[in-house]
Amino acid sequence: MAGPAPEPLLDAGHCLASADRDWLDLATAKPYQVELGYVASDADKSDAGESPVYLIEYTTPTHTAGFAFTFRVHGKAPHRTLLLESRNRFRQTDDGSQQVSLVDSPLGGIGTQDEVVAAIKQIGFHTWSVPVTDLRNHATSVHCETAEGVM
């Protein structure tokens, strides 16, 4: 998309790029930039004011494969915590039907799966190509955590 990437996308991307684990496969692939999209839910619709953020990393130029990361946002700026809850690999058909399927079943059952698939569909091609250095060096006051059991 044109214009700078939005802060929630940069914050979540920073959490992935600066983590001990190589969530974005930066060490192996050594990309100059990654293609990311995101959807943030309304905080007032979620439990206890914790709003989910879905960050989608497309690993193919045609958006037929990638990873969906689910974060839970706690608190308000400048004291926000982004908790990485899940990472799910997905595929999307390139035959025009845009059928999305998750390769890894998310914890939480069908409801969680439906939310992740809906986020992928909502993002579509509304993405930003973000330089890896921008993600690593993003100045943010967000605290990043990873839930136990995230694969």
N, C-alpha and C. Protein backbone atom coordinates (compact mmCIF):
# COMPACT_ATOMS: atom_id res chain seq x y z
N MET A 1 0.84 -1.18 0.00
CA MET A 1 0.00 0.00 0.00
C MET A 1 0.88 1.24 0.00
N ALA A 2 0.31 2.32 -0.45
CA ALA A 2 1.05 3.58 -0.44
C ALA A 2 1.05 4.15 0.97
N GLY A 3 2.07 4.92 1.26
CA GLY A 3 2.16 5.55 2.57
C GLY A 3 2.90 4.68 3.56
N PRO A 4 3.20 5.28 4.69
CA PRO A 4 3.94 4.53 5.71
C PRO A 4 3.08 3.47 6.37
N ALA A 5 3.73 2.43 6.84
CA ALA A 5 3.02 1.36 7.55
C ALA A 5 2.46 1.90 8.86
N PRO A 6 1.27 1.46 9.27
CA PRO A 6 0.67 1.94 10.52
C PRO A 6 1.41 1.43 11.76
N GLU A 7 1.31 2.18 12.83
CA GLU A 7 2.01 1.85 14.08
C GLU A 7 1.69 0.45 14.62
N PRO A 8 0.41 0.02 14.65
CA PRO A 8 0.15 -1.33 15.18
C PRO A 8 0.88 -2.42 14.40
N LEU A 9 0.99 -2.26 13.08
CA LEU A 9 1.71 -3.22 12.26
C LEU A 9 3.20 -3.18 12.60
N LEU A 10 3.76 -1.98 12.72
CA LEU A 10 5.18 -1.84 13.04
C LEU A 10 5.49 -2.37 14.44
N ASP A 11 4.60 -2.11 15.39
CA ASP A 11 4.81 -2.61 16.76
C ASP A 11 4.84 -4.14 16.78
N ALA A 12 3.85 -4.78 16.14
CA ALA A 12 3.79 -6.24 16.12
C ALA A 12 4.97 -6.81 15.32
N GLY A 13 5.28 -6.18 14.20
CA GLY A 13 6.42 -6.62 13.40
C GLY A 13 7.73 -6.50 14.16
N HIS A 14 7.86 -5.44 14.94
CA HIS A 14 9.05 -5.26 15.77
C HIS A 14 9.17 -6.40 16.79
N CYS A 15 8.05 -6.77 17.40
CA CYS A 15 8.08 -7.87 18.36
C CYS A 15 8.59 -9.15 17.71
N LEU A 16 8.18 -9.41 16.48
CA LEU A 16 8.62 -10.62 15.79
C LEU A 16 10.07 -10.52 15.34
N ALA A 17 10.47 -9.36 14.83
CA ALA A 17 11.82 -9.19 14.28
C ALA A 17 12.89 -9.12 15.36
N SER A 18 12.52 -8.68 16.56
CA SER A 18 13.51 -8.51 17.62
C SER A 18 13.48 -9.62 18.67
N ALA A 19 12.65 -10.62 18.47
CA ALA A 19 12.53 -11.72 19.43
C ALA A 19 13.73 -12.65 19.36
N ASP A 20 13.90 -13.45 20.40
CA ASP A 20 14.96 -14.45 20.41
C ASP A 20 14.74 -15.49 19.32
N ARG A 21 13.49 -15.83 19.07
CA ARG A 21 13.16 -16.80 18.02
C ARG A 21 13.01 -16.06 16.69
N ASP A 22 13.40 -16.68 15.62
CA ASP A 22 13.35 -16.07 14.28
C ASP A 22 11.98 -16.30 13.64
N TRP A 23 10.97 -15.61 14.13
CA TRP A 23 9.59 -15.79 13.69
C TRP A 23 9.40 -15.50 12.20
N LEU A 24 10.14 -14.55 11.67
CA LEU A 24 9.97 -14.13 10.27
C LEU A 24 10.99 -14.77 9.34
N ASP A 25 11.76 -15.74 9.81
CA ASP A 25 12.76 -16.44 9.03
C ASP A 25 13.77 -15.46 8.41
N LEU A 26 14.19 -14.51 9.20
CA LEU A 26 15.11 -13.47 8.72
C LEU A 26 16.54 -13.99 8.60
N ALA A 27 16.94 -14.90 9.48
CA ALA A 27 18.32 -15.40 9.45
C ALA A 27 18.58 -16.28 8.23
N THR A 28 17.61 -17.09 7.86
CA THR A 28 17.79 -18.00 6.73
C THR A 28 17.56 -17.30 5.40
N ALA A 29 16.42 -16.63 5.28
CA ALA A 29 16.05 -16.00 4.01
C ALA A 29 16.79 -14.69 3.75
N LYS A 30 17.18 -14.00 4.82
CA LYS A 30 17.87 -12.71 4.74
C LYS A 30 17.18 -11.73 3.79
N PRO A 31 15.88 -11.53 3.97
CA PRO A 31 15.17 -10.61 3.08
C PRO A 31 15.52 -9.15 3.41
N TYR A 32 15.44 -8.30 2.41
CA TYR A 32 15.59 -6.86 2.63
C TYR A 32 14.32 -6.31 3.27
N GLN A 33 13.18 -6.86 2.84
CA GLN A 33 11.90 -6.41 3.38
C GLN A 33 10.94 -7.59 3.48
N VAL A 34 9.89 -7.41 4.28
CA VAL A 34 8.85 -8.42 4.42
C VAL A 34 7.52 -7.76 4.08
N GLU A 35 6.60 -8.57 3.56
CA GLU A 35 5.28 -8.06 3.20
C GLU A 35 4.31 -8.41 4.31
N LEU A 36 3.76 -7.38 4.95
CA LEU A 36 2.90 -7.56 6.11
C LEU A 36 1.57 -6.84 5.94
N GLY A 37 0.55 -7.43 6.52
CA GLY A 37 -0.75 -6.79 6.63
C GLY A 37 -1.25 -7.01 8.05
N TYR A 38 -2.24 -6.24 8.45
CA TYR A 38 -2.76 -6.44 9.81
C TYR A 38 -4.22 -6.05 9.90
N VAL A 39 -4.86 -6.62 10.90
CA VAL A 39 -6.23 -6.27 11.27
C VAL A 39 -6.24 -6.15 12.78
N ALA A 40 -6.78 -5.07 13.27
CA ALA A 40 -6.93 -4.89 14.71
C ALA A 40 -8.42 -4.87 15.04
N SER A 41 -8.82 -5.65 16.03
CA SER A 41 -10.21 -5.69 16.46
C SER A 41 -10.50 -4.52 17.39
N ASP A 42 -11.77 -4.23 17.55
CA ASP A 42 -12.18 -3.17 18.48
C ASP A 42 -12.02 -3.67 19.90
N ALA A 43 -11.34 -2.88 20.74
CA ALA A 43 -11.10 -3.28 22.13
C ALA A 43 -12.40 -3.44 22.90
N ASP A 44 -13.42 -2.64 22.57
CA ASP A 44 -14.66 -2.73 23.33
C ASP A 44 -15.46 -4.00 23.01
N LYS A 45 -15.11 -4.70 21.94
CA LYS A 45 -15.79 -5.94 21.58
C LYS A 45 -15.10 -7.17 22.15
N SER A 46 -13.93 -7.00 22.72
CA SER A 46 -13.18 -8.16 23.19
C SER A 46 -13.31 -8.32 24.70
N ASP A 47 -12.87 -9.46 25.18
CA ASP A 47 -12.95 -9.76 26.61
C ASP A 47 -12.00 -8.88 27.41
N ALA A 48 -12.49 -8.33 28.48
CA ALA A 48 -11.68 -7.58 29.45
C ALA A 48 -10.87 -6.45 28.82
N GLY A 49 -11.35 -5.89 27.70
CA GLY A 49 -10.65 -4.77 27.08
C GLY A 49 -9.36 -5.15 26.39
N GLU A 50 -9.10 -6.43 26.20
CA GLU A 50 -7.90 -6.89 25.52
C GLU A 50 -8.24 -7.10 24.05
N SER A 51 -7.59 -6.35 23.19
CA SER A 51 -7.95 -6.42 21.79
C SER A 51 -6.97 -7.28 21.00
N PRO A 52 -7.49 -8.16 20.14
CA PRO A 52 -6.60 -8.97 19.31
C PRO A 52 -6.10 -8.18 18.10
N VAL A 53 -4.88 -8.45 17.70
CA VAL A 53 -4.29 -7.91 16.48
C VAL A 53 -3.77 -9.10 15.69
N TYR A 54 -4.15 -9.15 14.42
CA TYR A 54 -3.69 -10.21 13.53
C TYR A 54 -2.67 -9.61 12.58
N LEU A 55 -1.47 -10.14 12.60
CA LEU A 55 -0.41 -9.71 11.69
C LEU A 55 -0.20 -10.85 10.70
N ILE A 56 -0.30 -10.54 9.42
CA ILE A 56 -0.16 -11.54 8.38
C ILE A 56 1.13 -11.28 7.62
N GLU A 57 1.97 -12.31 7.53
CA GLU A 57 3.19 -12.24 6.74
C GLU A 57 2.98 -13.10 5.50
N TYR A 58 3.03 -12.47 4.33
CA TYR A 58 2.92 -13.22 3.08
C TYR A 58 4.31 -13.64 2.64
N THR A 59 4.46 -14.92 2.32
CA THR A 59 5.76 -15.44 1.92
C THR A 59 5.84 -15.67 0.42
N THR A 60 4.76 -15.38 -0.30
CA THR A 60 4.75 -15.45 -1.75
C THR A 60 4.20 -14.15 -2.32
N PRO A 61 4.70 -13.71 -3.48
CA PRO A 61 4.21 -12.46 -4.06
C PRO A 61 2.73 -12.50 -4.43
N THR A 62 2.19 -13.69 -4.68
CA THR A 62 0.78 -13.81 -5.07
C THR A 62 -0.15 -14.00 -3.87
N HIS A 63 0.41 -13.94 -2.67
CA HIS A 63 -0.35 -14.07 -1.42
C HIS A 63 -1.00 -15.44 -1.26
N THR A 64 -0.36 -16.47 -1.78
CA THR A 64 -0.92 -17.81 -1.68
C THR A 64 -0.40 -18.59 -0.47
N ALA A 65 0.52 -17.99 0.28
CA ALA A 65 1.05 -18.68 1.47
C ALA A 65 1.64 -17.65 2.43
N GLY A 66 1.70 -18.07 3.68
CA GLY A 66 2.30 -17.19 4.68
C GLY A 66 2.00 -17.65 6.08
N PHE A 67 2.13 -16.72 7.00
CA PHE A 67 1.90 -16.99 8.41
C PHE A 67 0.96 -15.94 8.99
N ALA A 68 0.07 -16.39 9.84
CA ALA A 68 -0.83 -15.49 10.57
C ALA A 68 -0.41 -15.51 12.03
N PHE A 69 -0.09 -14.34 12.56
CA PHE A 69 0.30 -14.20 13.96
C PHE A 69 -0.84 -13.51 14.70
N THR A 70 -1.24 -14.08 15.82
CA THR A 70 -2.28 -13.48 16.64
C THR A 70 -1.66 -12.92 17.91
N PHE A 71 -1.86 -11.63 18.11
CA PHE A 71 -1.38 -10.95 19.31
C PHE A 71 -2.58 -10.52 20.14
N ARG A 72 -2.40 -10.47 21.44
CA ARG A 72 -3.39 -9.89 22.34
C ARG A 72 -2.74 -8.64 22.91
N VAL A 73 -3.43 -7.51 22.79
CA VAL A 73 -2.90 -6.23 23.26
C VAL A 73 -3.49 -5.94 24.64
N HIS A 74 -2.60 -5.71 25.60
CA HIS A 74 -3.00 -5.38 26.97
C HIS A 74 -2.58 -3.94 27.25
N GLY A 75 -3.45 -3.19 27.91
CA GLY A 75 -3.10 -1.84 28.34
C GLY A 75 -3.28 -0.80 27.25
N LYS A 76 -2.93 0.41 27.61
CA LYS A 76 -3.05 1.57 26.71
C LYS A 76 -1.67 2.19 26.52
N ALA A 77 -1.50 2.90 25.40
CA ALA A 77 -0.23 3.60 25.14
C ALA A 77 0.03 4.57 26.28
N PRO A 78 1.22 4.73 26.74
CA PRO A 78 2.46 4.12 26.27
C PRO A 78 2.83 2.84 27.01
N HIS A 79 1.92 2.27 27.77
CA HIS A 79 2.24 1.08 28.57
C HIS A 79 1.49 -0.14 28.03
N ARG A 80 1.67 -0.43 26.76
CA ARG A 80 1.00 -1.56 26.13
C ARG A 80 1.93 -2.78 26.10
N THR A 81 1.30 -3.94 26.20
CA THR A 81 2.01 -5.20 26.05
C THR A 81 1.37 -5.95 24.89
N LEU A 82 2.20 -6.44 24.00
CA LEU A 82 1.74 -7.30 22.91
C LEU A 82 2.16 -8.72 23.24
N LEU A 83 1.16 -9.58 23.42
CA LEU A 83 1.40 -10.98 23.75
C LEU A 83 1.13 -11.81 22.50
N LEU A 84 2.18 -12.44 21.95
CA LEU A 84 2.02 -13.32 20.81
C LEU A 84 1.36 -14.60 21.29
N GLU A 85 0.14 -14.86 20.80
CA GLU A 85 -0.62 -16.03 21.24
C GLU A 85 -0.51 -17.21 20.29
N SER A 86 -0.39 -16.93 18.98
CA SER A 86 -0.32 -18.04 18.04
C SER A 86 0.34 -17.63 16.74
N ARG A 87 0.83 -18.64 16.07
CA ARG A 87 1.40 -18.50 14.73
C ARG A 87 0.87 -19.67 13.92
N ASN A 88 0.19 -19.35 12.83
CA ASN A 88 -0.41 -20.38 11.99
C ASN A 88 0.01 -20.20 10.55
N ARG A 89 0.50 -21.28 9.97
CA ARG A 89 0.85 -21.27 8.56
C ARG A 89 -0.45 -21.44 7.77
N PHE A 90 -0.56 -20.74 6.63
CA PHE A 90 -1.75 -20.85 5.82
C PHE A 90 -1.40 -20.94 4.34
N ARG A 91 -2.38 -21.42 3.58
CA ARG A 91 -2.31 -21.47 2.12
C ARG A 91 -3.59 -20.85 1.58
N GLN A 92 -3.46 -20.27 0.40
CA GLN A 92 -4.62 -19.71 -0.28
C GLN A 92 -4.54 -20.13 -1.74
N THR A 93 -5.65 -20.58 -2.28
CA THR A 93 -5.65 -21.01 -3.67
C THR A 93 -5.37 -19.83 -4.58
N ASP A 94 -4.75 -20.10 -5.72
CA ASP A 94 -4.49 -19.04 -6.68
C ASP A 94 -5.34 -19.21 -7.94
N ASP A 95 -6.45 -19.93 -7.79
CA ASP A 95 -7.34 -20.19 -8.92
C ASP A 95 -8.47 -19.16 -9.03
N GLY A 96 -8.39 -18.11 -8.23
CA GLY A 96 -9.43 -17.07 -8.24
C GLY A 96 -10.48 -17.25 -7.17
N SER A 97 -10.58 -18.44 -6.59
CA SER A 97 -11.60 -18.67 -5.56
C SER A 97 -11.17 -18.15 -4.20
N GLN A 98 -9.89 -17.91 -4.03
CA GLN A 98 -9.31 -17.37 -2.79
C GLN A 98 -9.71 -18.17 -1.55
N GLN A 99 -9.72 -19.48 -1.67
CA GLN A 99 -9.99 -20.35 -0.53
C GLN A 99 -8.77 -20.37 0.38
N VAL A 100 -8.97 -20.03 1.63
CA VAL A 100 -7.88 -20.01 2.61
C VAL A 100 -8.01 -21.23 3.51
N SER A 101 -6.89 -21.91 3.72
CA SER A 101 -6.89 -23.02 4.67
C SER A 101 -5.66 -22.89 5.55
N LEU A 102 -5.86 -23.23 6.81
CA LEU A 102 -4.76 -23.20 7.77
C LEU A 102 -4.05 -24.54 7.74
N VAL A 103 -2.74 -24.51 7.61
CA VAL A 103 -1.93 -25.73 7.61
C VAL A 103 -1.82 -26.24 9.04
N ASP A 104 -1.70 -25.33 9.99
CA ASP A 104 -1.61 -25.65 11.41
C ASP A 104 -2.93 -25.25 12.07
N SER A 105 -3.59 -26.17 12.75
CA SER A 105 -4.83 -25.85 13.44
C SER A 105 -4.53 -25.03 14.69
N PRO A 106 -5.19 -23.88 14.85
CA PRO A 106 -4.92 -23.06 16.03
C PRO A 106 -5.57 -23.64 17.28
N LEU A 107 -4.95 -23.35 18.42
CA LEU A 107 -5.58 -23.69 19.68
C LEU A 107 -6.83 -22.83 19.81
N GLY A 108 -7.87 -23.36 20.35
CA GLY A 108 -9.09 -22.58 20.53
C GLY A 108 -10.22 -23.06 19.64
N GLY A 109 -9.95 -24.01 18.75
CA GLY A 109 -11.01 -24.62 17.98
C GLY A 109 -11.46 -23.84 16.76
N ILE A 110 -12.66 -24.19 16.31
CA ILE A 110 -13.22 -23.65 15.07
C ILE A 110 -13.40 -22.13 15.15
N GLY A 111 -13.82 -21.62 16.28
CA GLY A 111 -14.02 -20.17 16.41
C GLY A 111 -12.73 -19.40 16.17
N THR A 112 -11.65 -19.88 16.75
CA THR A 112 -10.35 -19.24 16.56
C THR A 112 -9.90 -19.37 15.12
N GLN A 113 -10.09 -20.56 14.54
CA GLN A 113 -9.73 -20.78 13.15
C GLN A 113 -10.50 -19.82 12.24
N ASP A 114 -11.78 -19.66 12.48
CA ASP A 114 -12.60 -18.76 11.66
C ASP A 114 -12.12 -17.31 11.77
N GLU A 115 -11.70 -16.89 12.97
CA GLU A 115 -11.20 -15.53 13.16
C GLU A 115 -9.90 -15.29 12.38
N VAL A 116 -9.00 -16.27 12.41
CA VAL A 116 -7.72 -16.14 11.70
C VAL A 116 -7.97 -16.09 10.20
N VAL A 117 -8.80 -16.98 9.69
CA VAL A 117 -9.11 -17.01 8.25
C VAL A 117 -9.79 -15.70 7.84
N ALA A 118 -10.70 -15.20 8.65
CA ALA A 118 -11.37 -13.93 8.34
C ALA A 118 -10.36 -12.78 8.27
N ALA A 119 -9.38 -12.78 9.16
CA ALA A 119 -8.35 -11.73 9.14
C ALA A 119 -7.53 -11.80 7.85
N ILE A 120 -7.16 -13.00 7.44
CA ILE A 120 -6.38 -13.18 6.21
C ILE A 120 -7.19 -12.65 5.02
N LYS A 121 -8.46 -13.02 4.96
CA LYS A 121 -9.32 -12.58 3.86
C LYS A 121 -9.52 -11.07 3.88
N GLN A 122 -9.68 -10.51 5.07
CA GLN A 122 -9.90 -9.06 5.18
C GLN A 122 -8.68 -8.28 4.69
N ILE A 123 -7.51 -8.77 4.99
CA ILE A 123 -6.29 -8.08 4.58
C ILE A 123 -6.10 -8.16 3.07
N GLY A 124 -6.31 -9.34 2.50
CA GLY A 124 -6.17 -9.49 1.06
C GLY A 124 -4.83 -8.96 0.56
N PHE A 125 -4.88 -7.97 -0.31
CA PHE A 125 -3.66 -7.37 -0.85
C PHE A 125 -3.39 -6.00 -0.22
N HIS A 126 -4.03 -5.69 0.90
CA HIS A 126 -3.79 -4.43 1.62
C HIS A 126 -2.61 -4.62 2.56
N THR A 127 -1.42 -4.60 1.98
CA THR A 127 -0.21 -4.90 2.73
C THR A 127 0.83 -3.79 2.54
N TRP A 128 1.86 -3.87 3.34
CA TRP A 128 2.99 -2.95 3.26
C TRP A 128 4.26 -3.77 3.14
N SER A 129 5.16 -3.35 2.28
CA SER A 129 6.50 -3.93 2.21
C SER A 129 7.36 -3.13 3.17
N VAL A 130 7.77 -3.76 4.25
CA VAL A 130 8.47 -3.06 5.33
C VAL A 130 9.92 -3.55 5.37
N PRO A 131 10.88 -2.63 5.27
CA PRO A 131 12.28 -3.03 5.39
C PRO A 131 12.53 -3.68 6.76
N VAL A 132 13.30 -4.75 6.75
CA VAL A 132 13.61 -5.48 7.98
C VAL A 132 14.29 -4.56 8.99
N THR A 133 15.16 -3.68 8.52
CA THR A 133 15.85 -2.76 9.44
C THR A 133 14.86 -1.85 10.14
N ASP A 134 13.78 -1.47 9.46
CA ASP A 134 12.75 -0.64 10.10
C ASP A 134 12.05 -1.39 11.22
N LEU A 135 11.83 -2.68 11.03
CA LEU A 135 11.19 -3.48 12.08
C LEU A 135 12.12 -3.66 13.26
N ARG A 136 13.37 -3.96 12.97
CA ARG A 136 14.33 -4.18 14.06
C ARG A 136 14.61 -2.91 14.85
N ASN A 137 14.63 -1.77 14.17
CA ASN A 137 15.00 -0.50 14.81
C ASN A 137 13.80 0.37 15.18
N HIS A 138 12.60 -0.17 15.05
CA HIS A 138 11.38 0.59 15.34
C HIS A 138 11.36 1.04 16.80
N ALA A 139 11.30 2.34 17.00
CA ALA A 139 11.25 2.88 18.35
C ALA A 139 9.82 2.75 18.87
N THR A 140 9.66 1.94 19.89
CA THR A 140 8.33 1.71 20.43
C THR A 140 8.42 1.54 21.94
N SER A 141 7.34 1.87 22.61
CA SER A 141 7.29 1.65 24.05
C SER A 141 6.52 0.37 24.37
N VAL A 142 6.20 -0.40 23.36
CA VAL A 142 5.46 -1.64 23.55
C VAL A 142 6.37 -2.70 24.16
N HIS A 143 5.84 -3.42 25.11
CA HIS A 143 6.54 -4.56 25.71
C HIS A 143 6.06 -5.81 24.99
N CYS A 144 6.98 -6.65 24.54
CA CYS A 144 6.66 -7.85 23.76
C CYS A 144 6.81 -9.10 24.62
N GLU A 145 5.82 -10.00 24.54
CA GLU A 145 5.87 -11.27 25.24
C GLU A 145 5.36 -12.36 24.31
N THR A 146 5.70 -13.59 24.62
CA THR A 146 5.21 -14.74 23.87
C THR A 146 4.55 -15.71 24.84
N ALA A 147 3.33 -16.12 24.51
CA ALA A 147 2.63 -17.09 25.35
C ALA A 147 3.30 -18.45 25.24
N GLU A 148 3.18 -19.25 26.27
CA GLU A 148 3.77 -20.59 26.24
C GLU A 148 3.05 -21.43 25.20
N GLY A 149 3.81 -22.29 24.53
CA GLY A 149 3.23 -23.22 23.58
C GLY A 149 3.07 -22.68 22.17
N VAL A 150 3.51 -21.47 21.90
CA VAL A 150 3.39 -20.93 20.55
C VAL A 150 4.42 -21.63 19.67
N MET A 151 3.97 -22.18 18.57
CA MET A 151 4.86 -22.90 17.65
C MET A 151 5.25 -22.02 16.50
